[in-house]
Amino acid sequence: MMNAANAPWIRLCEVDEIPRLGSRVVERPSGNLAVFRTAQDKVFAVQDSCPHKNGPLSQGIVHGESVTCPLHGWQIGLEDGQAKAPDEGCVRRFPVRVHEGIVYLDLS
């Protein structure tokens, strides 16, 4: 159960509203987030901007626990935000949790 101790967490959507192997964009003035759902229903949230040339990761292909940027093929780990070798760089990650089928984000 979500309570006052969990105040930074905001309700985003139901997990089923994010397509498997797809994403949902959260628009923010400070930069959009991409919230991904894997084939195993794990949910991750990262900055929606590839560290290479700011490609929209939300439009990339999800495979395992990674996403491939649609612009130049960089692979970004969703768990750690790190680009896969030989590429270097990272994206900011955001805490996410699923409780009773609802996705919550901590944007603090």
N, C-alpha and C. Protein backbone atom coordinates (compact mmCIF):
# COMPACT_ATOMS: atom_id res chain seq x y z
N MET A 1 0.83 -1.18 0.00
CA MET A 1 0.00 0.00 0.00
C MET A 1 0.88 1.24 0.00
N MET A 2 0.55 2.22 -0.83
CA MET A 2 1.29 3.47 -0.87
C MET A 2 0.79 4.35 0.27
N ASN A 3 1.72 5.02 0.97
CA ASN A 3 1.31 5.86 2.09
C ASN A 3 2.14 7.13 2.12
N ALA A 4 1.96 7.94 3.15
CA ALA A 4 2.65 9.22 3.25
C ALA A 4 4.17 9.06 3.24
N ALA A 5 4.67 7.93 3.76
CA ALA A 5 6.11 7.70 3.76
C ALA A 5 6.65 7.56 2.34
N ASN A 6 5.78 7.30 1.39
CA ASN A 6 6.18 7.12 0.00
C ASN A 6 5.80 8.34 -0.84
N ALA A 7 5.67 9.50 -0.20
CA ALA A 7 5.16 10.71 -0.85
C ALA A 7 5.84 11.08 -2.16
N PRO A 8 7.18 10.87 -2.35
CA PRO A 8 7.77 11.29 -3.62
C PRO A 8 7.26 10.49 -4.83
N TRP A 9 6.66 9.34 -4.59
CA TRP A 9 6.20 8.49 -5.69
C TRP A 9 4.92 9.05 -6.28
N ILE A 10 4.91 9.20 -7.61
CA ILE A 10 3.70 9.65 -8.29
C ILE A 10 3.16 8.51 -9.15
N ARG A 11 1.85 8.44 -9.24
CA ARG A 11 1.19 7.42 -10.04
C ARG A 11 1.32 7.80 -11.51
N LEU A 12 1.80 6.87 -12.34
CA LEU A 12 1.93 7.14 -13.77
C LEU A 12 0.77 6.53 -14.55
N CYS A 13 0.63 5.20 -14.45
CA CYS A 13 -0.38 4.51 -15.24
C CYS A 13 -0.46 3.06 -14.76
N GLU A 14 -1.36 2.31 -15.36
CA GLU A 14 -1.39 0.88 -15.13
C GLU A 14 -0.28 0.26 -15.98
N VAL A 15 0.33 -0.80 -15.48
CA VAL A 15 1.44 -1.42 -16.21
C VAL A 15 0.99 -1.87 -17.60
N ASP A 16 -0.26 -2.31 -17.74
CA ASP A 16 -0.75 -2.77 -19.04
C ASP A 16 -0.91 -1.64 -20.06
N GLU A 17 -0.80 -0.37 -19.61
CA GLU A 17 -0.87 0.76 -20.53
C GLU A 17 0.47 1.01 -21.23
N ILE A 18 1.51 0.31 -20.78
CA ILE A 18 2.81 0.36 -21.45
C ILE A 18 2.93 -0.91 -22.27
N PRO A 19 3.08 -0.83 -23.57
CA PRO A 19 3.15 -2.06 -24.37
C PRO A 19 4.39 -2.89 -24.01
N ARG A 20 4.23 -4.22 -24.01
CA ARG A 20 5.40 -5.09 -23.82
C ARG A 20 6.40 -4.78 -24.91
N LEU A 21 7.68 -4.71 -24.53
CA LEU A 21 8.77 -4.37 -25.44
C LEU A 21 8.58 -2.98 -26.03
N GLY A 22 7.90 -2.12 -25.30
CA GLY A 22 7.65 -0.77 -25.76
C GLY A 22 7.84 0.23 -24.64
N SER A 23 7.35 1.45 -24.88
CA SER A 23 7.56 2.51 -23.91
C SER A 23 6.39 3.47 -23.87
N ARG A 24 6.47 4.33 -22.89
CA ARG A 24 5.53 5.44 -22.74
C ARG A 24 6.38 6.66 -22.40
N VAL A 25 6.06 7.80 -22.98
CA VAL A 25 6.82 9.03 -22.73
C VAL A 25 6.13 9.85 -21.65
N VAL A 26 6.94 10.35 -20.72
CA VAL A 26 6.46 11.28 -19.71
C VAL A 26 7.09 12.63 -20.05
N GLU A 27 6.27 13.58 -20.45
CA GLU A 27 6.78 14.89 -20.85
C GLU A 27 7.02 15.75 -19.62
N ARG A 28 8.21 16.37 -19.58
CA ARG A 28 8.60 17.25 -18.48
C ARG A 28 9.36 18.43 -19.05
N PRO A 29 9.22 19.61 -18.46
CA PRO A 29 9.97 20.78 -18.94
C PRO A 29 11.48 20.56 -18.88
N SER A 30 11.94 19.78 -17.92
CA SER A 30 13.38 19.55 -17.77
C SER A 30 13.90 18.41 -18.65
N GLY A 31 13.04 17.85 -19.49
CA GLY A 31 13.43 16.75 -20.36
C GLY A 31 12.52 15.56 -20.19
N ASN A 32 12.14 14.96 -21.29
CA ASN A 32 11.21 13.83 -21.25
C ASN A 32 11.86 12.58 -20.68
N LEU A 33 11.00 11.71 -20.11
CA LEU A 33 11.42 10.40 -19.64
C LEU A 33 10.79 9.35 -20.54
N ALA A 34 11.47 8.22 -20.67
CA ALA A 34 10.91 7.07 -21.36
C ALA A 34 10.74 5.97 -20.32
N VAL A 35 9.53 5.44 -20.23
CA VAL A 35 9.24 4.35 -19.29
C VAL A 35 9.02 3.10 -20.12
N PHE A 36 9.88 2.11 -19.91
CA PHE A 36 9.89 0.90 -20.72
C PHE A 36 9.32 -0.29 -19.96
N ARG A 37 8.75 -1.23 -20.72
CA ARG A 37 8.26 -2.50 -20.17
C ARG A 37 8.90 -3.63 -20.97
N THR A 38 9.56 -4.54 -20.28
CA THR A 38 10.22 -5.65 -20.95
C THR A 38 9.24 -6.79 -21.21
N ALA A 39 9.69 -7.81 -21.91
CA ALA A 39 8.87 -8.99 -22.18
C ALA A 39 8.49 -9.70 -20.88
N GLN A 40 9.31 -9.53 -19.84
CA GLN A 40 9.04 -10.15 -18.54
C GLN A 40 8.29 -9.21 -17.60
N ASP A 41 7.75 -8.12 -18.15
CA ASP A 41 6.96 -7.13 -17.41
C ASP A 41 7.75 -6.34 -16.38
N LYS A 42 9.08 -6.28 -16.52
CA LYS A 42 9.87 -5.38 -15.67
C LYS A 42 9.74 -3.99 -16.26
N VAL A 43 9.70 -2.98 -15.40
CA VAL A 43 9.50 -1.60 -15.84
C VAL A 43 10.71 -0.77 -15.42
N PHE A 44 11.19 0.06 -16.34
CA PHE A 44 12.35 0.93 -16.12
C PHE A 44 12.02 2.33 -16.63
N ALA A 45 12.63 3.34 -16.01
CA ALA A 45 12.45 4.72 -16.47
C ALA A 45 13.82 5.37 -16.62
N VAL A 46 14.05 5.96 -17.79
CA VAL A 46 15.31 6.65 -18.07
C VAL A 46 15.01 7.94 -18.82
N GLN A 47 15.98 8.82 -18.83
CA GLN A 47 15.91 10.03 -19.64
C GLN A 47 15.70 9.62 -21.09
N ASP A 48 14.80 10.29 -21.79
CA ASP A 48 14.47 9.93 -23.18
C ASP A 48 15.42 10.60 -24.16
N SER A 49 16.72 10.39 -23.95
CA SER A 49 17.72 11.06 -24.77
C SER A 49 19.00 10.25 -24.77
N CYS A 50 19.34 9.68 -25.92
CA CYS A 50 20.56 8.87 -26.03
C CYS A 50 21.79 9.74 -25.74
N PRO A 51 22.78 9.21 -25.03
CA PRO A 51 23.97 10.01 -24.74
C PRO A 51 24.81 10.32 -25.98
N HIS A 52 24.54 9.65 -27.09
CA HIS A 52 25.34 9.86 -28.30
C HIS A 52 24.94 11.16 -28.99
N LYS A 53 23.72 11.23 -29.52
CA LYS A 53 23.26 12.43 -30.24
C LYS A 53 21.83 12.78 -29.86
N ASN A 54 21.46 12.45 -28.63
CA ASN A 54 20.14 12.79 -28.08
C ASN A 54 18.97 12.16 -28.80
N GLY A 55 19.18 11.00 -29.42
CA GLY A 55 18.08 10.29 -30.08
C GLY A 55 17.00 9.91 -29.07
N PRO A 56 15.74 9.83 -29.51
CA PRO A 56 14.63 9.50 -28.62
C PRO A 56 14.61 8.00 -28.29
N LEU A 57 15.13 7.65 -27.13
CA LEU A 57 15.18 6.23 -26.75
C LEU A 57 13.80 5.60 -26.71
N SER A 58 12.76 6.40 -26.44
CA SER A 58 11.39 5.88 -26.38
C SER A 58 10.96 5.28 -27.72
N GLN A 59 11.62 5.65 -28.80
CA GLN A 59 11.29 5.11 -30.12
C GLN A 59 12.19 3.94 -30.50
N GLY A 60 13.05 3.53 -29.57
CA GLY A 60 13.98 2.43 -29.84
C GLY A 60 13.36 1.07 -29.67
N ILE A 61 14.16 0.05 -29.95
CA ILE A 61 13.73 -1.34 -29.85
C ILE A 61 14.20 -1.90 -28.51
N VAL A 62 13.25 -2.44 -27.74
CA VAL A 62 13.57 -3.05 -26.45
C VAL A 62 13.90 -4.52 -26.67
N HIS A 63 15.00 -4.96 -26.07
CA HIS A 63 15.40 -6.37 -26.14
C HIS A 63 16.06 -6.71 -24.82
N GLY A 64 15.58 -7.77 -24.18
CA GLY A 64 16.08 -8.10 -22.85
C GLY A 64 15.81 -6.93 -21.93
N GLU A 65 16.87 -6.44 -21.27
CA GLU A 65 16.75 -5.26 -20.41
C GLU A 65 17.57 -4.11 -20.98
N SER A 66 17.54 -3.97 -22.31
CA SER A 66 18.23 -2.90 -23.01
C SER A 66 17.30 -2.30 -24.06
N VAL A 67 17.68 -1.10 -24.53
CA VAL A 67 16.98 -0.47 -25.63
C VAL A 67 18.03 -0.03 -26.64
N THR A 68 17.71 -0.17 -27.93
CA THR A 68 18.61 0.28 -28.99
C THR A 68 18.09 1.60 -29.53
N CYS A 69 18.95 2.62 -29.51
CA CYS A 69 18.57 3.94 -30.00
C CYS A 69 18.23 3.86 -31.49
N PRO A 70 17.13 4.50 -31.90
CA PRO A 70 16.71 4.43 -33.29
C PRO A 70 17.61 5.21 -34.25
N LEU A 71 18.44 6.12 -33.75
CA LEU A 71 19.25 6.94 -34.66
C LEU A 71 20.52 6.24 -35.12
N HIS A 72 21.30 5.74 -34.18
CA HIS A 72 22.61 5.19 -34.56
C HIS A 72 22.91 3.83 -33.94
N GLY A 73 21.91 3.18 -33.35
CA GLY A 73 22.07 1.82 -32.89
C GLY A 73 22.78 1.62 -31.57
N TRP A 74 22.99 2.68 -30.81
CA TRP A 74 23.61 2.50 -29.50
C TRP A 74 22.67 1.69 -28.62
N GLN A 75 23.23 0.78 -27.84
CA GLN A 75 22.44 -0.02 -26.91
C GLN A 75 22.64 0.52 -25.50
N ILE A 76 21.54 0.79 -24.82
CA ILE A 76 21.56 1.35 -23.48
C ILE A 76 20.92 0.36 -22.52
N GLY A 77 21.63 0.03 -21.44
CA GLY A 77 21.08 -0.84 -20.41
C GLY A 77 20.01 -0.10 -19.62
N LEU A 78 18.84 -0.70 -19.48
CA LEU A 78 17.76 -0.04 -18.76
C LEU A 78 17.97 -0.10 -17.25
N GLU A 79 18.65 -1.12 -16.78
CA GLU A 79 18.90 -1.26 -15.34
C GLU A 79 19.89 -0.22 -14.84
N ASP A 80 20.95 0.03 -15.61
CA ASP A 80 22.01 0.93 -15.13
C ASP A 80 22.16 2.21 -15.96
N GLY A 81 21.47 2.32 -17.09
CA GLY A 81 21.57 3.52 -17.92
C GLY A 81 22.84 3.63 -18.74
N GLN A 82 23.69 2.61 -18.68
CA GLN A 82 25.00 2.65 -19.34
C GLN A 82 24.91 2.18 -20.80
N ALA A 83 25.68 2.86 -21.66
CA ALA A 83 25.83 2.41 -23.04
C ALA A 83 26.65 1.13 -23.04
N LYS A 84 26.31 0.21 -23.92
CA LYS A 84 27.04 -1.06 -24.04
C LYS A 84 28.31 -0.83 -24.87
N ALA A 85 29.39 -1.49 -24.47
CA ALA A 85 30.67 -1.38 -25.19
C ALA A 85 30.48 -1.80 -26.64
N PRO A 86 31.17 -1.17 -27.55
CA PRO A 86 32.30 -0.27 -27.36
C PRO A 86 31.90 1.18 -27.11
N ASP A 87 30.58 1.47 -27.13
CA ASP A 87 30.13 2.84 -26.92
C ASP A 87 30.26 3.21 -25.45
N GLU A 88 30.36 4.51 -25.18
CA GLU A 88 30.51 4.98 -23.81
C GLU A 88 29.56 6.13 -23.55
N GLY A 89 28.98 6.14 -22.38
CA GLY A 89 28.05 7.19 -21.97
C GLY A 89 26.95 6.58 -21.13
N CYS A 90 26.12 7.44 -20.58
CA CYS A 90 25.00 6.93 -19.78
C CYS A 90 23.85 7.92 -19.82
N VAL A 91 22.68 7.43 -19.46
CA VAL A 91 21.49 8.25 -19.33
C VAL A 91 21.05 8.20 -17.87
N ARG A 92 20.38 9.25 -17.44
CA ARG A 92 19.87 9.29 -16.08
C ARG A 92 18.73 8.30 -15.92
N ARG A 93 18.76 7.56 -14.83
CA ARG A 93 17.69 6.63 -14.50
C ARG A 93 16.80 7.24 -13.44
N PHE A 94 15.56 6.78 -13.38
CA PHE A 94 14.61 7.24 -12.39
C PHE A 94 14.02 6.03 -11.69
N PRO A 95 13.89 6.08 -10.35
CA PRO A 95 13.30 4.96 -9.64
C PRO A 95 11.86 4.73 -10.09
N VAL A 96 11.53 3.48 -10.27
CA VAL A 96 10.18 3.09 -10.69
C VAL A 96 9.79 1.85 -9.90
N ARG A 97 8.51 1.75 -9.57
CA ARG A 97 8.02 0.54 -8.91
C ARG A 97 6.62 0.25 -9.42
N VAL A 98 6.28 -1.02 -9.38
CA VAL A 98 4.94 -1.45 -9.76
C VAL A 98 4.30 -2.03 -8.50
N HIS A 99 3.14 -1.51 -8.15
CA HIS A 99 2.41 -1.97 -6.97
C HIS A 99 0.97 -2.22 -7.36
N GLU A 100 0.52 -3.46 -7.23
CA GLU A 100 -0.85 -3.86 -7.58
C GLU A 100 -1.22 -3.42 -9.00
N GLY A 101 -0.26 -3.59 -9.94
CA GLY A 101 -0.50 -3.31 -11.33
C GLY A 101 -0.41 -1.84 -11.72
N ILE A 102 -0.02 -0.97 -10.78
CA ILE A 102 0.11 0.46 -11.05
C ILE A 102 1.60 0.82 -11.04
N VAL A 103 2.01 1.62 -12.04
CA VAL A 103 3.40 2.07 -12.14
C VAL A 103 3.53 3.41 -11.42
N TYR A 104 4.54 3.49 -10.54
CA TYR A 104 4.84 4.71 -9.80
C TYR A 104 6.26 5.14 -10.12
N LEU A 105 6.47 6.47 -10.24
CA LEU A 105 7.78 7.04 -10.50
C LEU A 105 8.19 7.94 -9.35
N ASP A 106 9.49 7.97 -9.07
CA ASP A 106 10.04 8.93 -8.13
C ASP A 106 10.86 9.92 -8.94
N LEU A 107 10.36 11.13 -9.10
CA LEU A 107 11.03 12.13 -9.92
C LEU A 107 11.90 13.07 -9.12
N SER A 108 12.06 12.80 -7.81
CA SER A 108 12.86 13.69 -6.97
C SER A 108 14.34 13.54 -7.24
